[in-house]
N, C-alpha and C. Protein backbone atom coordinates (compact mmCIF):
# COMPACT_ATOMS: atom_id res chain seq x y z
N MET A 1 -26.85 -2.14 82.56
CA MET A 1 -25.56 -2.74 82.35
C MET A 1 -25.70 -4.06 81.61
N ALA A 2 -24.64 -4.42 80.90
CA ALA A 2 -24.64 -5.65 80.13
C ALA A 2 -24.52 -6.86 81.04
N VAL A 3 -24.92 -7.99 80.54
CA VAL A 3 -24.81 -9.23 81.30
C VAL A 3 -23.34 -9.53 81.53
N GLY A 4 -22.97 -9.90 82.75
CA GLY A 4 -21.59 -10.22 83.07
C GLY A 4 -20.75 -9.02 83.46
N THR A 5 -21.33 -7.85 83.49
CA THR A 5 -20.60 -6.65 83.86
C THR A 5 -20.38 -6.62 85.36
N LEU A 6 -19.15 -6.33 85.77
CA LEU A 6 -18.84 -6.28 87.19
C LEU A 6 -18.78 -4.84 87.70
N ASN A 7 -17.89 -4.04 87.15
CA ASN A 7 -17.73 -2.66 87.59
C ASN A 7 -17.23 -1.80 86.44
N THR A 8 -17.43 -0.49 86.55
CA THR A 8 -16.92 0.47 85.57
C THR A 8 -16.08 1.49 86.32
N TYR A 9 -14.89 1.79 85.80
CA TYR A 9 -14.00 2.74 86.44
C TYR A 9 -13.41 3.69 85.41
N ASP A 10 -13.21 4.94 85.80
CA ASP A 10 -12.43 5.90 85.05
C ASP A 10 -11.19 6.16 85.89
N CYS A 11 -10.01 5.84 85.38
CA CYS A 11 -8.84 5.94 86.24
C CYS A 11 -7.54 6.04 85.46
N ASN A 12 -6.48 6.22 86.22
CA ASN A 12 -5.13 6.21 85.69
C ASN A 12 -4.79 4.76 85.31
N PRO A 13 -4.23 4.53 84.12
CA PRO A 13 -3.93 3.16 83.71
C PRO A 13 -2.99 2.41 84.66
N ALA A 14 -2.02 3.11 85.26
CA ALA A 14 -1.11 2.45 86.22
C ALA A 14 -1.89 1.98 87.44
N HIS A 15 -2.84 2.78 87.88
CA HIS A 15 -3.68 2.38 89.02
C HIS A 15 -4.55 1.18 88.64
N ALA A 16 -5.01 1.16 87.39
CA ALA A 16 -5.85 0.04 86.94
C ALA A 16 -5.06 -1.26 86.95
N ILE A 17 -3.81 -1.21 86.48
CA ILE A 17 -2.98 -2.42 86.48
C ILE A 17 -2.71 -2.87 87.92
N TRP A 18 -2.42 -1.92 88.80
CA TRP A 18 -2.21 -2.24 90.22
C TRP A 18 -3.46 -2.92 90.79
N TYR A 19 -4.63 -2.35 90.49
CA TYR A 19 -5.90 -2.90 90.97
C TYR A 19 -6.11 -4.33 90.47
N ILE A 20 -5.87 -4.55 89.19
CA ILE A 20 -6.07 -5.88 88.61
C ILE A 20 -5.14 -6.89 89.28
N LEU A 21 -3.87 -6.51 89.45
CA LEU A 21 -2.91 -7.43 90.05
C LEU A 21 -3.24 -7.74 91.51
N THR A 22 -3.61 -6.71 92.28
CA THR A 22 -3.81 -6.91 93.72
C THR A 22 -5.22 -7.35 94.09
N THR A 23 -6.21 -6.93 93.33
CA THR A 23 -7.60 -7.25 93.69
C THR A 23 -8.14 -8.45 92.92
N ILE A 24 -7.98 -8.42 91.61
CA ILE A 24 -8.53 -9.52 90.81
C ILE A 24 -7.63 -10.75 90.89
N LEU A 25 -6.32 -10.56 90.70
CA LEU A 25 -5.39 -11.69 90.76
C LEU A 25 -4.92 -11.99 92.19
N GLU A 26 -5.27 -11.10 93.12
CA GLU A 26 -4.98 -11.27 94.54
C GLU A 26 -3.49 -11.43 94.86
N LEU A 27 -2.64 -10.71 94.11
CA LEU A 27 -1.22 -10.69 94.46
C LEU A 27 -1.02 -9.73 95.63
N PRO A 28 -0.19 -10.06 96.58
CA PRO A 28 0.10 -9.11 97.65
C PRO A 28 0.79 -7.87 97.07
N SER A 29 0.49 -6.71 97.59
CA SER A 29 1.11 -5.49 97.07
C SER A 29 2.62 -5.50 97.27
N SER A 30 3.12 -6.32 98.17
CA SER A 30 4.57 -6.43 98.37
C SER A 30 5.26 -7.07 97.16
N TYR A 31 4.50 -7.69 96.26
CA TYR A 31 5.06 -8.27 95.04
C TYR A 31 5.24 -7.22 93.95
N LEU A 32 4.72 -6.01 94.17
CA LEU A 32 4.77 -4.96 93.16
C LEU A 32 5.78 -3.89 93.57
N HIS A 33 6.54 -3.41 92.62
CA HIS A 33 7.52 -2.35 92.87
C HIS A 33 6.77 -1.02 92.83
N ASP A 34 6.38 -0.54 94.01
CA ASP A 34 5.49 0.62 94.07
C ASP A 34 6.10 1.88 93.48
N ALA A 35 7.42 2.07 93.57
CA ALA A 35 8.04 3.28 93.01
C ALA A 35 7.89 3.33 91.49
N SER A 36 8.00 2.17 90.82
CA SER A 36 7.85 2.16 89.36
C SER A 36 6.40 2.44 88.97
N PHE A 37 5.45 1.89 89.73
CA PHE A 37 4.04 2.15 89.44
C PHE A 37 3.70 3.62 89.66
N LEU A 38 4.26 4.21 90.73
CA LEU A 38 4.01 5.62 91.03
C LEU A 38 4.61 6.52 89.95
N ALA A 39 5.83 6.20 89.50
CA ALA A 39 6.47 7.00 88.45
C ALA A 39 5.66 6.96 87.16
N VAL A 40 5.19 5.77 86.80
CA VAL A 40 4.38 5.63 85.59
C VAL A 40 3.05 6.37 85.75
N ALA A 41 2.43 6.24 86.92
CA ALA A 41 1.16 6.94 87.17
C ALA A 41 1.34 8.45 87.04
N ASN A 42 2.44 8.98 87.57
CA ASN A 42 2.70 10.42 87.46
C ASN A 42 2.92 10.85 86.01
N THR A 43 3.67 10.05 85.25
CA THR A 43 3.90 10.37 83.84
C THR A 43 2.59 10.34 83.07
N LEU A 44 1.78 9.31 83.28
CA LEU A 44 0.51 9.21 82.57
C LEU A 44 -0.43 10.35 82.95
N SER A 45 -0.39 10.75 84.20
CA SER A 45 -1.21 11.88 84.65
C SER A 45 -0.76 13.16 83.96
N SER A 46 0.56 13.36 83.84
CA SER A 46 1.06 14.57 83.17
C SER A 46 0.74 14.56 81.68
N GLU A 47 0.57 13.37 81.11
CA GLU A 47 0.19 13.23 79.70
C GLU A 47 -1.33 13.24 79.52
N SER A 48 -2.07 13.40 80.61
CA SER A 48 -3.54 13.37 80.60
C SER A 48 -4.05 12.06 80.01
N ARG A 49 -3.41 10.97 80.36
CA ARG A 49 -3.81 9.65 79.88
C ARG A 49 -4.65 8.96 80.94
N GLY A 50 -5.87 8.65 80.61
CA GLY A 50 -6.74 7.92 81.51
C GLY A 50 -7.50 6.87 80.73
N ILE A 51 -8.14 5.97 81.44
CA ILE A 51 -8.92 4.93 80.79
C ILE A 51 -10.23 4.71 81.53
N ALA A 52 -11.19 4.21 80.81
CA ALA A 52 -12.45 3.76 81.40
C ALA A 52 -12.50 2.25 81.18
N ILE A 53 -12.67 1.52 82.25
CA ILE A 53 -12.68 0.06 82.15
C ILE A 53 -14.04 -0.47 82.53
N LEU A 54 -14.54 -1.35 81.71
CA LEU A 54 -15.76 -2.07 82.02
C LEU A 54 -15.33 -3.52 82.24
N PHE A 55 -15.20 -3.92 83.50
CA PHE A 55 -14.76 -5.28 83.79
C PHE A 55 -15.90 -6.25 83.49
N SER A 56 -15.56 -7.29 82.76
CA SER A 56 -16.52 -8.29 82.36
C SER A 56 -15.95 -9.66 82.68
N THR A 57 -16.81 -10.61 82.95
CA THR A 57 -16.35 -11.96 83.24
C THR A 57 -15.89 -12.69 81.98
N SER A 58 -16.08 -12.10 80.81
CA SER A 58 -15.70 -12.77 79.57
C SER A 58 -14.23 -12.59 79.22
N LYS A 59 -13.52 -11.69 79.92
CA LYS A 59 -12.09 -11.48 79.65
C LYS A 59 -11.29 -11.82 80.91
N THR A 60 -10.07 -12.28 80.69
CA THR A 60 -9.20 -12.60 81.83
C THR A 60 -8.49 -11.33 82.30
N ALA A 61 -7.97 -11.39 83.50
CA ALA A 61 -7.19 -10.27 84.05
C ALA A 61 -5.98 -9.99 83.16
N GLU A 62 -5.36 -11.04 82.66
CA GLU A 62 -4.20 -10.88 81.79
C GLU A 62 -4.58 -10.14 80.51
N ASP A 63 -5.78 -10.41 79.98
CA ASP A 63 -6.25 -9.70 78.78
C ASP A 63 -6.39 -8.21 79.06
N TYR A 64 -6.94 -7.86 80.22
CA TYR A 64 -7.09 -6.45 80.58
C TYR A 64 -5.72 -5.78 80.71
N ILE A 65 -4.79 -6.44 81.39
CA ILE A 65 -3.45 -5.87 81.56
C ILE A 65 -2.78 -5.67 80.21
N GLU A 66 -2.86 -6.66 79.34
CA GLU A 66 -2.26 -6.55 78.01
C GLU A 66 -2.86 -5.39 77.23
N SER A 67 -4.16 -5.23 77.30
CA SER A 67 -4.83 -4.13 76.60
C SER A 67 -4.39 -2.78 77.14
N ILE A 68 -4.28 -2.66 78.45
CA ILE A 68 -3.84 -1.40 79.06
C ILE A 68 -2.40 -1.10 78.68
N LEU A 69 -1.53 -2.12 78.72
CA LEU A 69 -0.13 -1.92 78.35
C LEU A 69 0.00 -1.46 76.90
N GLN A 70 -0.81 -1.99 76.01
CA GLN A 70 -0.80 -1.53 74.62
C GLN A 70 -1.24 -0.08 74.54
N HIS A 71 -2.26 0.28 75.29
CA HIS A 71 -2.79 1.64 75.27
C HIS A 71 -1.76 2.66 75.74
N ILE A 72 -1.00 2.33 76.78
CA ILE A 72 -0.04 3.28 77.34
C ILE A 72 1.37 3.09 76.78
N ASN A 73 1.54 2.09 75.90
CA ASN A 73 2.86 1.75 75.38
C ASN A 73 3.80 1.44 76.55
N GLY A 74 3.40 0.45 77.32
CA GLY A 74 4.15 0.09 78.52
C GLY A 74 4.51 -1.38 78.57
N ALA A 75 5.27 -1.73 79.59
CA ALA A 75 5.68 -3.11 79.80
C ALA A 75 5.64 -3.42 81.29
N LEU A 76 5.26 -4.63 81.60
CA LEU A 76 5.27 -5.12 82.97
C LEU A 76 6.29 -6.25 83.01
N HIS A 77 7.31 -6.10 83.85
CA HIS A 77 8.34 -7.14 83.91
C HIS A 77 8.67 -7.49 85.35
N TYR A 78 9.22 -8.68 85.51
CA TYR A 78 9.60 -9.19 86.83
C TYR A 78 11.08 -8.90 87.02
N GLY A 79 11.41 -8.12 88.05
CA GLY A 79 12.78 -7.67 88.25
C GLY A 79 13.62 -8.60 89.10
N ASP A 80 14.90 -8.26 89.20
CA ASP A 80 15.84 -9.03 90.02
C ASP A 80 15.47 -8.99 91.50
N ASP A 81 14.68 -8.00 91.88
CA ASP A 81 14.25 -7.86 93.27
C ASP A 81 12.99 -8.68 93.58
N GLN A 82 12.60 -9.56 92.65
CA GLN A 82 11.42 -10.42 92.78
C GLN A 82 10.13 -9.62 92.91
N LYS A 83 10.06 -8.51 92.18
CA LYS A 83 8.86 -7.69 92.16
C LYS A 83 8.50 -7.36 90.72
N PHE A 84 7.21 -7.10 90.50
CA PHE A 84 6.75 -6.67 89.19
C PHE A 84 6.99 -5.17 89.06
N HIS A 85 7.60 -4.77 87.95
CA HIS A 85 7.90 -3.37 87.67
C HIS A 85 7.07 -2.94 86.47
N LEU A 86 6.54 -1.73 86.53
CA LEU A 86 5.81 -1.15 85.41
C LEU A 86 6.71 -0.12 84.76
N LYS A 87 6.82 -0.16 83.43
CA LYS A 87 7.71 0.74 82.70
C LYS A 87 7.01 1.23 81.46
N LEU A 88 7.15 2.51 81.18
CA LEU A 88 6.65 3.06 79.93
C LEU A 88 7.76 2.98 78.89
N ILE A 89 7.39 2.63 77.68
CA ILE A 89 8.37 2.55 76.60
C ILE A 89 8.39 3.92 75.92
N ARG A 90 9.38 4.70 76.30
CA ARG A 90 9.52 6.07 75.81
C ARG A 90 10.95 6.29 75.33
N ASP A 91 11.20 7.42 74.72
CA ASP A 91 12.54 7.78 74.25
C ASP A 91 13.39 8.30 75.41
N ASP A 92 13.53 7.50 76.46
CA ASP A 92 14.30 7.92 77.63
C ASP A 92 15.56 7.06 77.79
N TYR A 93 16.21 6.75 76.67
CA TYR A 93 17.39 5.90 76.69
C TYR A 93 18.46 6.51 75.80
N VAL A 94 19.70 6.07 76.00
CA VAL A 94 20.82 6.49 75.16
C VAL A 94 21.02 5.41 74.11
N VAL A 95 20.94 5.78 72.85
CA VAL A 95 21.02 4.81 71.76
C VAL A 95 22.31 4.00 71.84
N GLY A 96 23.42 4.63 72.19
CA GLY A 96 24.70 3.93 72.28
C GLY A 96 24.74 2.86 73.36
N ASP A 97 23.86 2.95 74.35
CA ASP A 97 23.82 1.96 75.43
C ASP A 97 22.98 0.73 75.09
N LEU A 98 22.27 0.77 73.97
CA LEU A 98 21.41 -0.35 73.60
C LEU A 98 22.22 -1.52 73.07
N LEU A 99 21.75 -2.73 73.34
CA LEU A 99 22.38 -3.93 72.83
C LEU A 99 22.21 -3.98 71.32
N GLU A 100 23.31 -4.20 70.61
CA GLU A 100 23.23 -4.28 69.15
C GLU A 100 23.24 -5.75 68.75
N ILE A 101 22.25 -6.15 67.99
CA ILE A 101 22.16 -7.52 67.52
C ILE A 101 22.41 -7.51 66.02
N ASP A 102 23.49 -8.21 65.62
CA ASP A 102 23.82 -8.29 64.20
C ASP A 102 24.17 -9.73 63.86
N ALA A 103 24.62 -9.97 62.63
CA ALA A 103 24.90 -11.33 62.17
C ALA A 103 25.95 -12.03 63.02
N ALA A 104 26.84 -11.27 63.65
CA ALA A 104 27.91 -11.87 64.46
C ALA A 104 27.39 -12.54 65.73
N VAL A 105 26.26 -12.11 66.24
CA VAL A 105 25.75 -12.67 67.50
C VAL A 105 24.55 -13.61 67.31
N ILE A 106 24.08 -13.76 66.09
CA ILE A 106 22.93 -14.63 65.82
C ILE A 106 23.43 -16.03 65.50
N LYS A 107 22.94 -17.03 66.23
CA LYS A 107 23.36 -18.41 66.00
C LYS A 107 22.72 -18.99 64.74
N ASP A 108 21.40 -18.85 64.62
CA ASP A 108 20.67 -19.40 63.48
C ASP A 108 19.90 -18.28 62.81
N THR A 109 19.78 -18.36 61.50
CA THR A 109 19.02 -17.38 60.76
C THR A 109 17.54 -17.53 61.12
N PRO A 110 16.90 -16.44 61.53
CA PRO A 110 15.48 -16.55 61.86
C PRO A 110 14.64 -16.82 60.62
N THR A 111 13.57 -17.55 60.81
CA THR A 111 12.64 -17.81 59.71
C THR A 111 11.32 -17.13 60.02
N ILE A 112 10.71 -16.66 58.99
CA ILE A 112 9.41 -16.01 59.11
C ILE A 112 8.42 -16.81 58.30
N SER A 113 7.30 -17.13 58.91
CA SER A 113 6.29 -17.88 58.18
C SER A 113 4.95 -17.17 58.30
N ARG A 114 4.19 -17.29 57.27
CA ARG A 114 2.86 -16.69 57.25
C ARG A 114 1.87 -17.70 57.84
N GLY A 115 1.02 -17.22 58.74
CA GLY A 115 0.01 -18.08 59.33
C GLY A 115 -1.03 -18.51 58.32
N SER A 116 -1.74 -19.53 58.65
CA SER A 116 -2.77 -20.02 57.74
C SER A 116 -4.05 -19.21 57.89
N PHE A 117 -4.96 -19.40 56.96
CA PHE A 117 -6.24 -18.73 57.02
C PHE A 117 -7.00 -19.10 58.29
N MET A 118 -6.79 -20.32 58.77
CA MET A 118 -7.48 -20.79 59.98
C MET A 118 -7.05 -20.01 61.22
N ASP A 119 -5.88 -19.34 61.17
CA ASP A 119 -5.39 -18.57 62.31
C ASP A 119 -5.91 -17.14 62.32
N THR A 120 -6.67 -16.75 61.32
CA THR A 120 -7.16 -15.37 61.25
C THR A 120 -8.40 -15.20 62.12
N TYR A 121 -8.64 -13.96 62.52
CA TYR A 121 -9.84 -13.65 63.30
C TYR A 121 -11.04 -13.59 62.36
N ASN A 122 -12.12 -14.20 62.75
CA ASN A 122 -13.32 -14.12 61.92
C ASN A 122 -14.51 -13.58 62.70
N GLU A 123 -14.25 -13.14 63.93
CA GLU A 123 -15.33 -12.58 64.74
C GLU A 123 -14.75 -11.54 65.67
N ILE A 124 -15.39 -10.40 65.75
CA ILE A 124 -14.99 -9.35 66.68
C ILE A 124 -16.23 -8.95 67.45
N LEU A 125 -16.15 -9.00 68.78
CA LEU A 125 -17.27 -8.60 69.63
C LEU A 125 -17.05 -7.18 70.10
N VAL A 126 -18.04 -6.33 69.90
CA VAL A 126 -17.95 -4.93 70.30
C VAL A 126 -19.13 -4.63 71.21
N GLN A 127 -18.85 -3.96 72.31
CA GLN A 127 -19.90 -3.57 73.23
C GLN A 127 -19.78 -2.07 73.43
N PHE A 128 -20.87 -1.34 73.23
CA PHE A 128 -20.84 0.11 73.39
C PHE A 128 -22.01 0.53 74.25
N SER A 129 -21.72 1.41 75.17
CA SER A 129 -22.76 2.02 75.99
C SER A 129 -22.45 3.49 76.09
N GLU A 130 -23.46 4.29 76.02
CA GLU A 130 -23.24 5.71 76.24
C GLU A 130 -22.98 5.92 77.72
N ARG A 131 -21.94 6.69 78.02
CA ARG A 131 -21.46 6.85 79.39
C ARG A 131 -22.56 7.31 80.34
N HIS A 132 -23.44 8.21 79.90
CA HIS A 132 -24.44 8.73 80.83
C HIS A 132 -25.53 7.71 81.15
N PHE A 133 -25.60 6.58 80.43
CA PHE A 133 -26.57 5.54 80.74
C PHE A 133 -26.02 4.50 81.72
N LEU A 134 -24.71 4.53 82.02
CA LEU A 134 -24.11 3.51 82.90
C LEU A 134 -24.44 3.74 84.34
């Protein structure tokens, strides 16, 4: 194993997010909306979506959660019930029910600026291990 490696898991991404929140960040499970996590876990299972995680001390828990959410096309939000909800971003909505944002509701014209060269990435760290050697 690589230096700084803690554990390796093959699991459902929803379970991984639950694990990170409750074990690594030590949030009580009562802070999580378990029905939303279960629904997402079932959907991901039916889609045969799984992940292998190599936890390392070089990344934060938030980095892992963000990476998993990108992988599953999901969102983690804090609800009115004071719990974290997990949601997949899928075509499960009625287009007519969506909020329409047009010139009538915008106060100021948004500006777009290009970042400087100093803001670009100039280093990418990649770690690869063959699964049967772990």
